[in-house]
Amino acid sequence: MHLEMMAVTAELARANKGQWFAFTIGLAGLGVAAVGFILGHSIEGTIVGGVTLVDLAGIFLYRYQRRQQERERKAERLKE
């Protein structure tokens, strides 16, 4: 039981770090896009901002889908 608790705690810490890292990258990307707009590079700013948002959303959806598949596999194992 103690080992499971340590594993869960470590997984939560890792997930928390990942979320902060994604948040930082997202802010940096949107900041670069804002600077592009301010300097008159609206097309480049739009591209950088759009790519940043699409990448973060894609990563979020990929991780959600992977977790869902893992839960389904665990549920199948419990049925056996």
Foldseek 3Di string as FASTA:
>chain_A
DVVVVVVVVVVVVVVVVVVVVLVVQLVVQLVVLVVCVVVPNNVVSVVSNVVSVVVSVVVVVVVVVVVVVVVVVVVVVVVD
